[in-house]
C-alpha atoms as a PDB file:
ATOM      1  CA  UNK A   1      -6.135   5.507-113.667  1.00  0.00           C
ATOM      2  CA  UNK A   2      -4.449   6.055-110.322  1.00  0.00           C
ATOM      3  CA  UNK A   3      -2.606   9.201-109.438  1.00  0.00           C
ATOM      4  CA  UNK A   4       0.393   9.183-107.143  1.00  0.00           C
ATOM      5  CA  UNK A   5       0.789  12.001-104.692  1.00  0.00           C
ATOM      6  CA  UNK A   6       4.212  13.419-104.083  1.00  0.00           C
ATOM      7  CA  UNK A   7       4.916  15.485-101.012  1.00  0.00           C
ATOM      8  CA  UNK A   8       7.283  18.403-101.253  1.00  0.00           C
ATOM      9  CA  UNK A   9       7.145  19.620 -97.661  1.00  0.00           C
ATOM     10  CA  UNK A  10       6.345  18.436 -94.164  1.00  0.00           C
ATOM     11  CA  UNK A  11       4.857  20.845 -91.631  1.00  0.00           C
ATOM     12  CA  UNK A  12       5.258  20.083 -87.937  1.00  0.00           C
ATOM     13  CA  UNK A  13       3.446  21.463 -84.930  1.00  0.00           C
ATOM     14  CA  UNK A  14       5.923  22.354 -82.188  1.00  0.00           C
ATOM     15  CA  UNK A  15       4.170  21.039 -79.100  1.00  0.00           C
ATOM     16  CA  UNK A  16       4.161  17.274 -78.579  1.00  0.00           C
ATOM     17  CA  UNK A  17       5.514  16.696 -82.066  1.00  0.00           C
ATOM     18  CA  UNK A  18       8.950  18.278 -81.995  1.00  0.00           C
ATOM     19  CA  UNK A  19       9.022  19.343 -78.360  1.00  0.00           C
ATOM     20  CA  UNK A  20       7.714  17.462 -75.346  1.00  0.00           C
ATOM     21  CA  UNK A  21       5.328  20.178 -74.189  1.00  0.00           C
ATOM     22  CA  UNK A  22       4.604  18.648 -70.771  1.00  0.00           C
ATOM     23  CA  UNK A  23       8.302  18.585 -69.865  1.00  0.00           C
ATOM     24  CA  UNK A  24       8.909  21.991 -71.465  1.00  0.00           C
ATOM     25  CA  UNK A  25       6.224  23.443 -69.225  1.00  0.00           C
ATOM     26  CA  UNK A  26       6.937  21.406 -66.083  1.00  0.00           C
ATOM     27  CA  UNK A  27      10.519  22.692 -65.784  1.00  0.00           C
ATOM     28  CA  UNK A  28       9.616  26.395 -65.663  1.00  0.00           C
ATOM     29  CA  UNK A  29       6.535  25.886 -63.470  1.00  0.00           C
ATOM     30  CA  UNK A  30       8.570  24.162 -60.765  1.00  0.00           C
ATOM     31  CA  UNK A  31      11.791  26.070 -61.473  1.00  0.00           C
ATOM     32  CA  UNK A  32      10.049  29.392 -60.871  1.00  0.00           C
ATOM     33  CA  UNK A  33       8.862  28.160 -57.468  1.00  0.00           C
ATOM     34  CA  UNK A  34      12.430  27.268 -56.573  1.00  0.00           C
ATOM     35  CA  UNK A  35      13.797  30.585 -57.892  1.00  0.00           C
ATOM     36  CA  UNK A  36      11.280  32.508 -55.786  1.00  0.00           C
ATOM     37  CA  UNK A  37      11.782  30.364 -52.657  1.00  0.00           C
ATOM     38  CA  UNK A  38       8.222  28.998 -52.657  1.00  0.00           C
ATOM     39  CA  UNK A  39       8.561  25.594 -51.036  1.00  0.00           C
ATOM     40  CA  UNK A  40       5.993  22.917 -51.728  1.00  0.00           C
ATOM     41  CA  UNK A  41       7.501  20.722 -48.997  1.00  0.00           C
ATOM     42  CA  UNK A  42       6.979  23.390 -46.336  1.00  0.00           C
ATOM     43  CA  UNK A  43       3.357  23.580 -47.440  1.00  0.00           C
ATOM     44  CA  UNK A  44       2.935  19.807 -47.371  1.00  0.00           C
ATOM     45  CA  UNK A  45       2.337  19.501 -51.114  1.00  0.00           C
ATOM     46  CA  UNK A  46       3.750  17.262 -53.788  1.00  0.00           C
ATOM     47  CA  UNK A  47       4.873  18.496 -57.193  1.00  0.00           C
ATOM     48  CA  UNK A  48       2.173  16.323 -58.738  1.00  0.00           C
ATOM     49  CA  UNK A  49      -0.645  18.031 -56.824  1.00  0.00           C
ATOM     50  CA  UNK A  50       0.740  21.491 -57.546  1.00  0.00           C
ATOM     51  CA  UNK A  51       1.109  20.719 -61.260  1.00  0.00           C
ATOM     52  CA  UNK A  52      -2.416  19.287 -61.487  1.00  0.00           C
ATOM     53  CA  UNK A  53      -3.951  22.406 -59.936  1.00  0.00           C
ATOM     54  CA  UNK A  54      -1.716  24.731 -61.965  1.00  0.00           C
ATOM     55  CA  UNK A  55      -2.569  22.958 -65.233  1.00  0.00           C
ATOM     56  CA  UNK A  56      -6.286  23.230 -64.488  1.00  0.00           C
ATOM     57  CA  UNK A  57      -6.052  26.994 -64.128  1.00  0.00           C
ATOM     58  CA  UNK A  58      -3.535  27.401 -66.926  1.00  0.00           C
ATOM     59  CA  UNK A  59      -5.800  25.547 -69.370  1.00  0.00           C
ATOM     60  CA  UNK A  60      -8.728  27.711 -68.307  1.00  0.00           C
ATOM     61  CA  UNK A  61      -6.770  30.929 -68.791  1.00  0.00           C
ATOM     62  CA  UNK A  62      -5.158  29.718 -72.039  1.00  0.00           C
ATOM     63  CA  UNK A  63      -8.622  29.756 -73.621  1.00  0.00           C
ATOM     64  CA  UNK A  64      -8.573  33.525 -72.950  1.00  0.00           C
ATOM     65  CA  UNK A  65      -5.193  34.101 -74.656  1.00  0.00           C
ATOM     66  CA  UNK A  66      -6.744  36.646 -77.006  1.00  0.00           C
ATOM     67  CA  UNK A  67      -7.476  38.869 -74.005  1.00  0.00           C
ATOM     68  CA  UNK A  68      -4.389  38.450 -71.796  1.00  0.00           C
ATOM     69  CA  UNK A  69      -0.646  38.600 -72.426  1.00  0.00           C
ATOM     70  CA  UNK A  70       1.512  35.508 -71.846  1.00  0.00           C
ATOM     71  CA  UNK A  71       2.852  37.008 -68.601  1.00  0.00           C
ATOM     72  CA  UNK A  72      -0.646  37.783 -67.365  1.00  0.00           C
ATOM     73  CA  UNK A  73      -1.826  34.227 -68.096  1.00  0.00           C
ATOM     74  CA  UNK A  74       1.018  32.685 -66.138  1.00  0.00           C
ATOM     75  CA  UNK A  75       0.643  35.183 -63.304  1.00  0.00           C
ATOM     76  CA  UNK A  76      -3.092  34.404 -63.084  1.00  0.00           C
ATOM     77  CA  UNK A  77      -2.323  30.676 -63.112  1.00  0.00           C
ATOM     78  CA  UNK A  78       0.143  31.014 -60.223  1.00  0.00           C
ATOM     79  CA  UNK A  79      -2.168  33.350 -58.307  1.00  0.00           C
ATOM     80  CA  UNK A  80      -5.158  30.981 -58.581  1.00  0.00           C
ATOM     81  CA  UNK A  81      -3.101  27.868 -57.858  1.00  0.00           C
ATOM     82  CA  UNK A  82      -1.427  29.349 -54.797  1.00  0.00           C
ATOM     83  CA  UNK A  83      -4.757  30.654 -53.497  1.00  0.00           C
ATOM     84  CA  UNK A  84      -6.462  27.273 -53.915  1.00  0.00           C
ATOM     85  CA  UNK A  85      -3.567  25.481 -52.215  1.00  0.00           C
ATOM     86  CA  UNK A  86      -3.417  28.136 -49.465  1.00  0.00           C
ATOM     87  CA  UNK A  87       0.211  29.083 -50.126  1.00  0.00           C
ATOM     88  CA  UNK A  88       1.116  32.628 -49.131  1.00  0.00           C
ATOM     89  CA  UNK A  89       3.765  34.553 -51.079  1.00  0.00           C
ATOM     90  CA  UNK A  90       4.441  38.047 -52.313  1.00  0.00           C
ATOM     91  CA  UNK A  91       6.365  36.644 -55.301  1.00  0.00           C
ATOM     92  CA  UNK A  92       3.514  36.299 -57.835  1.00  0.00           C
ATOM     93  CA  UNK A  93       4.928  38.677 -60.467  1.00  0.00           C
ATOM     94  CA  UNK A  94       8.427  37.264 -59.909  1.00  0.00           C
ATOM     95  CA  UNK A  95       7.074  33.746 -60.451  1.00  0.00           C
ATOM     96  CA  UNK A  96       5.733  34.754 -63.840  1.00  0.00           C
ATOM     97  CA  UNK A  97       9.003  36.442 -64.839  1.00  0.00           C
ATOM     98  CA  UNK A  98      11.038  33.460 -63.698  1.00  0.00           C
ATOM     99  CA  UNK A  99       8.690  31.057 -65.515  1.00  0.00           C
ATOM    100  CA  UNK A 100       9.189  32.877 -68.834  1.00  0.00           C
ATOM    101  CA  UNK A 101      12.926  33.165 -68.355  1.00  0.00           C
ATOM    102  CA  UNK A 102      13.243  29.402 -67.811  1.00  0.00           C
ATOM    103  CA  UNK A 103      10.685  28.529 -70.508  1.00  0.00           C
ATOM    104  CA  UNK A 104      12.423  30.703 -73.093  1.00  0.00           C
ATOM    105  CA  UNK A 105      15.839  29.214 -72.366  1.00  0.00           C
ATOM    106  CA  UNK A 106      14.973  25.554 -72.299  1.00  0.00           C
ATOM    107  CA  UNK A 107      13.279  23.057 -74.496  1.00  0.00           C
ATOM    108  CA  UNK A 108      12.877  19.322 -74.256  1.00  0.00           C
ATOM    109  CA  UNK A 109      12.897  17.832 -77.710  1.00  0.00           C
ATOM    110  CA  UNK A 110      11.190  14.558 -78.491  1.00  0.00           C
ATOM    111  CA  UNK A 111      13.522  11.545 -78.615  1.00  0.00           C
ATOM    112  CA  UNK A 112      15.577  11.124 -81.808  1.00  0.00           C
ATOM    113  CA  UNK A 113      14.320  14.432 -83.188  1.00  0.00           C
ATOM    114  CA  UNK A 114      17.653  15.450 -84.631  1.00  0.00           C
ATOM    115  CA  UNK A 115      18.013  12.169 -86.526  1.00  0.00           C
ATOM    116  CA  UNK A 116      14.445  12.256 -87.851  1.00  0.00           C
ATOM    117  CA  UNK A 117      14.735  15.842 -89.095  1.00  0.00           C
ATOM    118  CA  UNK A 118      18.115  15.154 -90.652  1.00  0.00           C
ATOM    119  CA  UNK A 119      16.716  12.256 -92.691  1.00  0.00           C
ATOM    120  CA  UNK A 120      13.552  14.116 -93.705  1.00  0.00           C
ATOM    121  CA  UNK A 121      15.451  17.263 -94.666  1.00  0.00           C
ATOM    122  CA  UNK A 122      17.239  15.325 -97.415  1.00  0.00           C
ATOM    123  CA  UNK A 123      14.012  14.953 -99.399  1.00  0.00           C
ATOM    124  CA  UNK A 124      11.502  17.485 -98.088  1.00  0.00           C
ATOM    125  CA  UNK A 125      11.204  21.111 -97.162  1.00  0.00           C
ATOM    126  CA  UNK A 126      10.515  21.274 -93.432  1.00  0.00           C
ATOM    127  CA  UNK A 127       8.446  23.893 -91.628  1.00  0.00           C
ATOM    128  CA  UNK A 128       6.793  24.442 -88.250  1.00  0.00           C
ATOM    129  CA  UNK A 129       3.500  25.913 -87.096  1.00  0.00           C
ATOM    130  CA  UNK A 130       2.233  26.669 -83.619  1.00  0.00           C
ATOM    131  CA  UNK A 131      -0.793  28.084 -81.872  1.00  0.00           C
ATOM    132  CA  UNK A 132       1.429  29.328 -79.053  1.00  0.00           C
ATOM    133  CA  UNK A 133       2.559  32.861 -78.359  1.00  0.00           C
ATOM    134  CA  UNK A 134       5.218  33.917 -80.840  1.00  0.00           C
ATOM    135  CA  UNK A 135       7.276  35.537 -78.080  1.00  0.00           C
ATOM    136  CA  UNK A 136       7.256  32.279 -76.137  1.00  0.00           C
ATOM    137  CA  UNK A 137       7.894  30.072 -79.158  1.00  0.00           C
ATOM    138  CA  UNK A 138      10.805  31.980 -80.735  1.00  0.00           C
ATOM    139  CA  UNK A 139      13.541  30.322 -78.638  1.00  0.00           C
ATOM    140  CA  UNK A 140      12.086  26.900 -79.471  1.00  0.00           C
ATOM    141  CA  UNK A 141      11.832  27.844 -83.130  1.00  0.00           C
ATOM    142  CA  UNK A 142      15.460  28.923 -83.046  1.00  0.00           C
ATOM    143  CA  UNK A 143      16.502  25.523 -81.684  1.00  0.00           C
ATOM    144  CA  UNK A 144      14.483  23.765 -84.371  1.00  0.00           C
ATOM    145  CA  UNK A 145      15.786  25.995 -87.168  1.00  0.00           C
ATOM    146  CA  UNK A 146      19.295  25.003 -86.190  1.00  0.00           C
ATOM    147  CA  UNK A 147      18.339  21.360 -86.479  1.00  0.00           C
ATOM    148  CA  UNK A 148      16.505  21.889 -89.764  1.00  0.00           C
ATOM    149  CA  UNK A 149      19.546  23.641 -91.240  1.00  0.00           C
ATOM    150  CA  UNK A 150      21.527  20.379 -91.151  1.00  0.00           C
END
């Protein structure tokens, strides 16, 4: 005798399921540099190189997220990246603040997300989970909750 399974809810992870995490992070990383007048061109660097180095440090520090605050992690990532790439600036703490301001006010949703959630919401309860910092994820959750309310 076979048993059919019926799903009542669908739970989504935020990053790279609902939101394009790479683009969500790329915008504030580079936007903070621009806000704080740190020029990659003047230092002979491409965005790609900067992002590769930054992501290496950011991934390393992310594994220590139980020890450091979100602002400290980003500040450490900028500090290490700028030191490795030999870029001098006194804007380290401002970079972190600018990063979080941009990150918390932007979000790049995956293509057709609104349509997919609208269709699924007709038959299922929808929810999200994340392993990110709550303070950093709240603006994204707000955007998603608006979509899920349709």
